[in-house]
Amino acid sequence: MTGILYVVATPIGNRGDLSPRAQSVLAEADVIACEDTRHSRPLLASIGVTGELLAYHEHNEEQMAPRLLERLEAGETIALISDAGTPLISDPGFSLVRAARAQRIRVEPIPGPCAAICALSAAGLPSDRFLFIGFPPRTSSQRQRWLEAVKTETGTLILYESGRRAAATLSDLATVFGAERRAVVARELTKRFETFLEGSVTELSQQVAANPEQQLGELVILVEGGPAEDADGDRREQARVLQLLADELPLKRAAALTAAITGGARNELYQLGLELKRRGGR
């Protein structure tokens, strides 16, 4: 009988947020796979857990995943944790979880803290639709291209950023989304000096640049979604261009050209083309 891979959420700041269920799983696991043993050991020691720790991070993920799978197949129980929050949310673990499921090994989530959801719950921005987009690229030109892809998203956008790059990223948000797009910057969540800054992306860029404390650690940036009518207009234009090109070219080529012209996603445009063809055939 194979073991169980537990995906365990750990505190993002306040150790009191570690659930009793998470504590029980960590205490009983044969091995705990963590990003940094030096970081995780104090947390585990605080709840009396002294079991085996193995480093599992982005730099050794390919080498460690097969070793962990072997132990799971031998019947051992493994708890996967990250430095803070829920594993796999901009943290290592995806390849291990996917491989375990492919081997029909039981994967069980132990829910708990997540910085993105924590920030969203208290930011005062719409939460009925949101898109988590992780960490942005490091250079301004790359960030702006990256942001262009979600410019028309109508739901709240959530991203993580290093404090030292936050002002520059907020400035790029102003360039791509417009200076008045509303946003919230959440920092030190669940900790003593937790802060939420709100305003336009331009105002927030200036505030963060002027306050060295806001440039420490990592933070969550939440950005109000774009107007629904803009997104609808973009989709109508994409459909119009796609239809014109598809009348003269193979659909795959038409979708690729439409993506280049309108900035849309090629795969989504290809699926739209298939739908338009089905409608035309009725």
Protein backbone atom coordinates (compact mmCIF):
# COMPACT_ATOMS: atom_id res chain seq x y z
CA MET A 1 0.00 0.00 0.00
CA THR A 2 1.36 3.43 -0.95
CA GLY A 3 1.73 6.30 1.47
CA ILE A 4 0.02 9.69 1.46
CA LEU A 5 1.35 13.02 0.28
CA TYR A 6 -0.06 15.78 2.48
CA VAL A 7 0.11 19.35 1.14
CA VAL A 8 0.18 21.38 4.34
CA ALA A 9 -0.41 25.12 4.66
CA THR A 10 1.73 26.83 7.29
CA PRO A 11 1.53 30.34 8.81
CA ILE A 12 2.45 33.38 6.72
CA GLY A 13 3.40 35.25 9.88
CA ASN A 14 1.39 34.50 13.00
CA ARG A 15 2.21 31.01 14.26
CA GLY A 16 -1.21 30.81 15.89
CA ASP A 17 -2.65 30.28 12.41
CA LEU A 18 -1.23 26.75 12.16
CA SER A 19 -4.32 24.55 12.44
CA PRO A 20 -4.59 21.63 14.89
CA ARG A 21 -5.04 19.29 11.91
CA ALA A 22 -1.83 20.59 10.31
CA GLN A 23 0.03 20.10 13.60
CA SER A 24 -1.21 16.51 13.83
CA VAL A 25 -0.17 15.69 10.25
CA LEU A 26 3.29 17.23 10.73
CA ALA A 27 3.79 15.31 13.96
CA GLU A 28 2.87 11.97 12.38
CA ALA A 29 4.59 12.33 8.98
CA ASP A 30 7.55 10.07 8.25
CA VAL A 31 9.29 12.97 6.53
CA ILE A 32 8.60 16.66 6.03
CA ALA A 33 9.68 18.16 2.70
CA CYS A 34 10.32 21.89 3.12
CA GLU A 35 11.91 24.71 1.14
CA ASP A 36 14.51 25.60 3.75
CA THR A 37 15.15 23.35 6.75
CA ARG A 38 16.65 26.29 8.68
CA HIS A 39 13.46 28.28 8.19
CA SER A 40 11.01 25.49 9.00
CA ARG A 41 12.81 23.92 11.96
CA PRO A 42 11.90 26.71 14.45
CA LEU A 43 8.20 26.46 13.50
CA LEU A 44 8.23 22.70 13.91
CA ALA A 45 10.17 22.91 17.17
CA SER A 46 7.53 25.30 18.54
CA ILE A 47 4.92 22.52 18.24
CA GLY A 48 7.25 19.75 19.41
CA VAL A 49 7.89 18.17 16.00
CA THR A 50 11.41 16.81 15.61
CA GLY A 51 10.96 14.43 12.68
CA GLU A 52 13.05 14.10 9.54
CA LEU A 53 13.31 17.19 7.33
CA LEU A 54 14.34 17.18 3.68
CA ALA A 55 15.05 20.30 1.63
CA TYR A 56 12.74 20.46 -1.40
CA HIS A 57 12.98 23.71 -3.36
CA GLU A 58 13.05 25.11 -6.89
CA HIS A 59 16.75 24.35 -7.33
CA ASN A 60 16.58 20.63 -6.45
CA GLU A 61 12.96 19.82 -7.32
CA GLU A 62 13.82 17.62 -10.31
CA GLN A 63 16.29 15.54 -8.30
CA MET A 64 14.22 15.27 -5.12
CA ALA A 65 10.81 14.45 -6.58
CA PRO A 66 11.76 10.89 -7.68
CA ARG A 67 13.30 10.18 -4.26
CA LEU A 68 10.16 11.35 -2.50
CA LEU A 69 7.99 9.31 -4.85
CA GLU A 70 10.00 6.19 -3.99
CA ARG A 71 9.32 6.76 -0.32
CA LEU A 72 5.62 7.29 -0.98
CA GLU A 73 5.47 4.09 -3.03
CA ALA A 74 7.13 2.30 -0.10
CA GLY A 75 4.24 3.35 2.12
CA GLU A 76 5.71 6.36 3.89
CA THR A 77 3.74 9.50 4.68
CA ILE A 78 5.20 12.80 3.46
CA ALA A 79 4.13 16.30 4.47
CA LEU A 80 4.98 18.99 1.92
CA ILE A 81 5.31 22.53 3.28
CA SER A 82 6.66 25.81 1.97
CA ASP A 83 8.45 28.57 3.86
CA ALA A 84 5.06 30.21 4.46
CA GLY A 85 1.48 29.77 3.31
CA THR A 86 0.02 27.14 1.00
CA PRO A 87 2.53 25.11 -1.06
CA LEU A 88 2.42 25.41 -4.87
CA ILE A 89 1.08 29.01 -4.71
CA SER A 90 4.22 30.57 -6.26
CA ASP A 91 6.16 27.90 -4.37
CA PRO A 92 7.62 24.49 -5.34
CA GLY A 93 5.55 21.31 -5.31
CA PHE A 94 3.59 21.14 -8.55
CA SER A 95 5.80 18.50 -10.18
CA LEU A 96 5.70 16.30 -7.08
CA VAL A 97 1.92 16.52 -6.74
CA ARG A 98 1.39 15.82 -10.43
CA ALA A 99 3.77 12.85 -10.37
CA ALA A 100 2.14 11.44 -7.23
CA ARG A 101 -1.31 11.65 -8.78
CA ALA A 102 -0.02 10.03 -11.97
CA GLN A 103 1.17 7.11 -9.81
CA ARG A 104 -2.25 7.03 -8.11
CA ILE A 105 -0.72 8.01 -4.81
CA ARG A 106 -3.18 9.74 -2.52
CA VAL A 107 -2.64 13.51 -2.28
CA GLU A 108 -4.48 15.22 0.56
CA PRO A 109 -4.59 19.01 1.11
CA ILE A 110 -4.42 20.40 4.62
CA PRO A 111 -5.82 23.92 4.08
CA GLY A 112 -4.76 27.02 5.90
CA PRO A 113 -3.04 30.39 5.37
CA CYS A 114 -2.51 31.83 1.90
CA ALA A 115 -1.20 35.37 1.47
CA ALA A 116 -3.20 36.01 -1.71
CA ILE A 117 -6.55 35.05 -0.16
CA CYS A 118 -5.70 36.69 3.15
CA ALA A 119 -5.02 40.00 1.38
CA LEU A 120 -8.09 39.73 -0.84
CA SER A 121 -10.38 39.15 2.12
CA ALA A 122 -9.43 42.48 3.70
CA ALA A 123 -8.55 44.65 0.69
CA GLY A 124 -12.01 46.00 -0.06
CA LEU A 125 -11.75 45.14 -3.76
CA PRO A 126 -14.30 42.93 -5.56
CA SER A 127 -13.78 39.27 -4.67
CA ASP A 128 -16.47 37.56 -6.77
CA ARG A 129 -13.93 37.17 -9.58
CA PHE A 130 -10.15 37.34 -9.23
CA LEU A 131 -7.01 36.16 -10.99
CA PHE A 132 -3.77 35.26 -9.21
CA ILE A 133 -0.81 35.94 -11.50
CA GLY A 134 2.14 35.26 -9.17
CA PHE A 135 5.44 37.14 -9.30
CA PRO A 136 6.04 39.54 -12.21
CA PRO A 137 9.22 39.53 -14.33
CA ARG A 138 12.14 41.53 -12.96
CA THR A 139 12.72 44.11 -15.70
CA SER A 140 10.37 46.94 -16.57
CA SER A 141 10.04 46.02 -20.25
CA GLN A 142 9.25 42.39 -19.41
CA ARG A 143 6.77 43.44 -16.73
CA GLN A 144 4.90 45.74 -19.07
CA ARG A 145 4.56 43.00 -21.70
CA TRP A 146 3.43 40.60 -18.96
CA LEU A 147 0.83 43.09 -17.70
CA GLU A 148 -0.51 43.76 -21.20
CA ALA A 149 -1.75 40.16 -21.27
CA VAL A 150 -4.12 40.82 -18.33
CA LYS A 151 -4.95 44.47 -19.03
CA THR A 152 -8.59 43.71 -19.90
CA GLU A 153 -9.21 41.22 -17.09
CA THR A 154 -12.38 42.35 -15.30
CA GLY A 155 -11.69 40.55 -12.03
CA THR A 156 -9.36 41.71 -9.27
CA LEU A 157 -5.73 40.89 -10.07
CA ILE A 158 -3.48 39.53 -7.31
CA LEU A 159 0.29 39.41 -7.57
CA TYR A 160 3.24 38.94 -5.26
CA GLU A 161 6.25 41.23 -5.36
CA SER A 162 9.52 41.90 -3.62
CA GLY A 163 9.39 45.06 -1.54
CA ARG A 164 12.45 46.49 -3.28
CA ARG A 165 10.75 46.20 -6.69
CA ALA A 166 7.23 47.15 -5.59
CA ALA A 167 7.41 50.86 -6.49
CA ALA A 168 8.72 50.07 -9.98
CA THR A 169 6.04 47.42 -10.53
CA LEU A 170 3.31 49.84 -9.43
CA SER A 171 4.72 52.41 -11.84
CA ASP A 172 4.55 49.85 -14.66
CA LEU A 173 0.96 49.10 -13.66
CA ALA A 174 0.20 52.80 -14.10
CA THR A 175 1.85 52.80 -17.53
CA VAL A 176 -0.10 49.77 -18.77
CA PHE A 177 -3.43 50.07 -16.93
CA GLY A 178 -3.67 53.83 -16.56
CA ALA A 179 -2.58 56.07 -13.71
CA GLU A 180 -5.95 56.00 -11.91
CA ARG A 181 -6.51 52.23 -11.67
CA ARG A 182 -7.26 51.46 -8.03
CA ALA A 183 -5.05 49.09 -6.06
CA VAL A 184 -4.14 47.87 -2.59
CA VAL A 185 -0.71 46.94 -1.25
CA ALA A 186 -0.73 44.47 1.66
CA ARG A 187 2.41 43.89 3.69
CA GLU A 188 3.42 41.98 6.84
CA LEU A 189 0.12 40.08 6.78
CA THR A 190 -0.87 38.56 10.16
CA LYS A 191 2.20 40.13 11.78
CA ARG A 192 2.52 42.98 14.28
CA PHE A 193 3.15 45.69 11.66
CA GLU A 194 0.57 44.54 9.11
CA THR A 195 -0.34 47.36 6.71
CA PHE A 196 -2.81 47.92 3.89
CA LEU A 197 -2.19 50.87 1.59
CA GLU A 198 -4.90 51.83 -0.89
CA GLY A 199 -5.15 54.35 -3.70
CA SER A 200 -4.38 54.68 -7.38
CA VAL A 201 -1.40 52.72 -8.70
CA THR A 202 0.41 56.03 -9.19
CA GLU A 203 -0.22 57.14 -5.59
CA LEU A 204 0.86 53.77 -4.23
CA SER A 205 4.04 53.78 -6.29
CA GLN A 206 4.94 57.14 -4.77
CA GLN A 207 4.05 56.03 -1.23
CA VAL A 208 6.12 52.86 -1.42
CA ALA A 209 9.08 54.70 -2.98
CA ALA A 210 8.99 57.26 -0.16
CA ASN A 211 8.73 54.74 2.70
CA PRO A 212 11.72 52.39 3.19
CA GLU A 213 9.67 50.16 5.50
CA GLN A 214 7.30 49.35 2.64
CA GLN A 215 10.28 48.14 0.62
CA LEU A 216 11.17 45.29 3.00
CA GLY A 217 10.27 41.63 2.49
CA GLU A 218 7.54 40.50 0.13
CA LEU A 219 4.09 41.97 -0.30
CA VAL A 220 0.80 41.40 -2.08
CA ILE A 221 -0.45 43.84 -4.71
CA LEU A 222 -4.15 43.71 -5.58
CA VAL A 223 -5.41 45.66 -8.60
CA GLU A 224 -8.98 46.49 -9.46
CA GLY A 225 -10.17 44.78 -12.63
CA GLY A 226 -10.70 46.61 -15.89
CA PRO A 227 -14.11 47.84 -17.09
CA ALA A 228 -16.28 45.03 -18.41
CA GLU A 229 -17.18 47.01 -21.52
CA ASP A 230 -13.49 47.26 -22.50
CA ALA A 231 -13.07 43.49 -22.29
CA ASP A 232 -16.27 42.93 -24.27
CA GLY A 233 -15.12 45.38 -26.91
CA ASP A 234 -11.75 43.65 -27.20
CA ARG A 235 -13.41 40.26 -27.60
CA ARG A 236 -15.73 41.58 -30.31
CA GLU A 237 -12.77 43.06 -32.18
CA GLN A 238 -10.84 39.79 -31.87
CA ALA A 239 -13.82 37.85 -33.22
CA ARG A 240 -14.20 40.30 -36.12
CA VAL A 241 -10.53 40.07 -37.12
CA LEU A 242 -10.50 36.32 -36.69
CA GLN A 243 -13.56 35.87 -38.89
CA LEU A 244 -12.05 37.96 -41.67
CA LEU A 245 -8.78 36.04 -41.61
CA ALA A 246 -10.41 32.63 -41.24
CA ASP A 247 -12.37 33.24 -44.44
CA GLU A 248 -9.05 33.34 -46.33
CA LEU A 249 -6.63 31.25 -44.25
CA PRO A 250 -6.48 27.96 -42.32
CA LEU A 251 -7.88 28.45 -38.83
CA LYS A 252 -4.57 27.81 -37.06
CA ARG A 253 -2.84 30.50 -39.11
CA ALA A 254 -5.79 32.87 -38.74
CA ALA A 255 -5.75 32.47 -34.95
CA ALA A 256 -1.99 33.13 -34.80
CA LEU A 257 -2.30 36.30 -36.89
CA THR A 258 -5.29 37.51 -34.87
CA ALA A 259 -3.29 37.01 -31.67
CA ALA A 260 -0.42 39.05 -33.11
CA ILE A 261 -2.74 41.84 -34.26
CA THR A 262 -5.04 42.11 -31.22
CA GLY A 263 -2.90 40.82 -28.37
CA GLY A 264 -5.32 37.98 -27.66
CA ALA A 265 -4.37 34.46 -26.61
CA ARG A 266 -3.76 32.21 -29.63
CA ASN A 267 -5.26 29.06 -28.07
CA GLU A 268 -8.39 30.92 -26.98
CA LEU A 269 -8.76 32.44 -30.45
CA TYR A 270 -8.38 29.03 -32.05
CA GLN A 271 -11.20 27.70 -29.86
CA LEU A 272 -13.28 30.76 -30.73
CA GLY A 273 -12.65 30.03 -34.41
CA LEU A 274 -13.92 26.48 -33.96
CA GLU A 275 -17.04 27.84 -32.27
CA LEU A 276 -17.61 30.35 -35.06
CA LYS A 277 -17.28 27.57 -37.62
CA ARG A 278 -19.81 25.45 -35.76
CA ARG A 279 -22.25 28.33 -35.67
CA GLY A 280 -21.73 28.96 -39.37
CA GLY A 281 -22.47 25.35 -40.16
CA ARG A 282 -25.86 25.35 -38.48
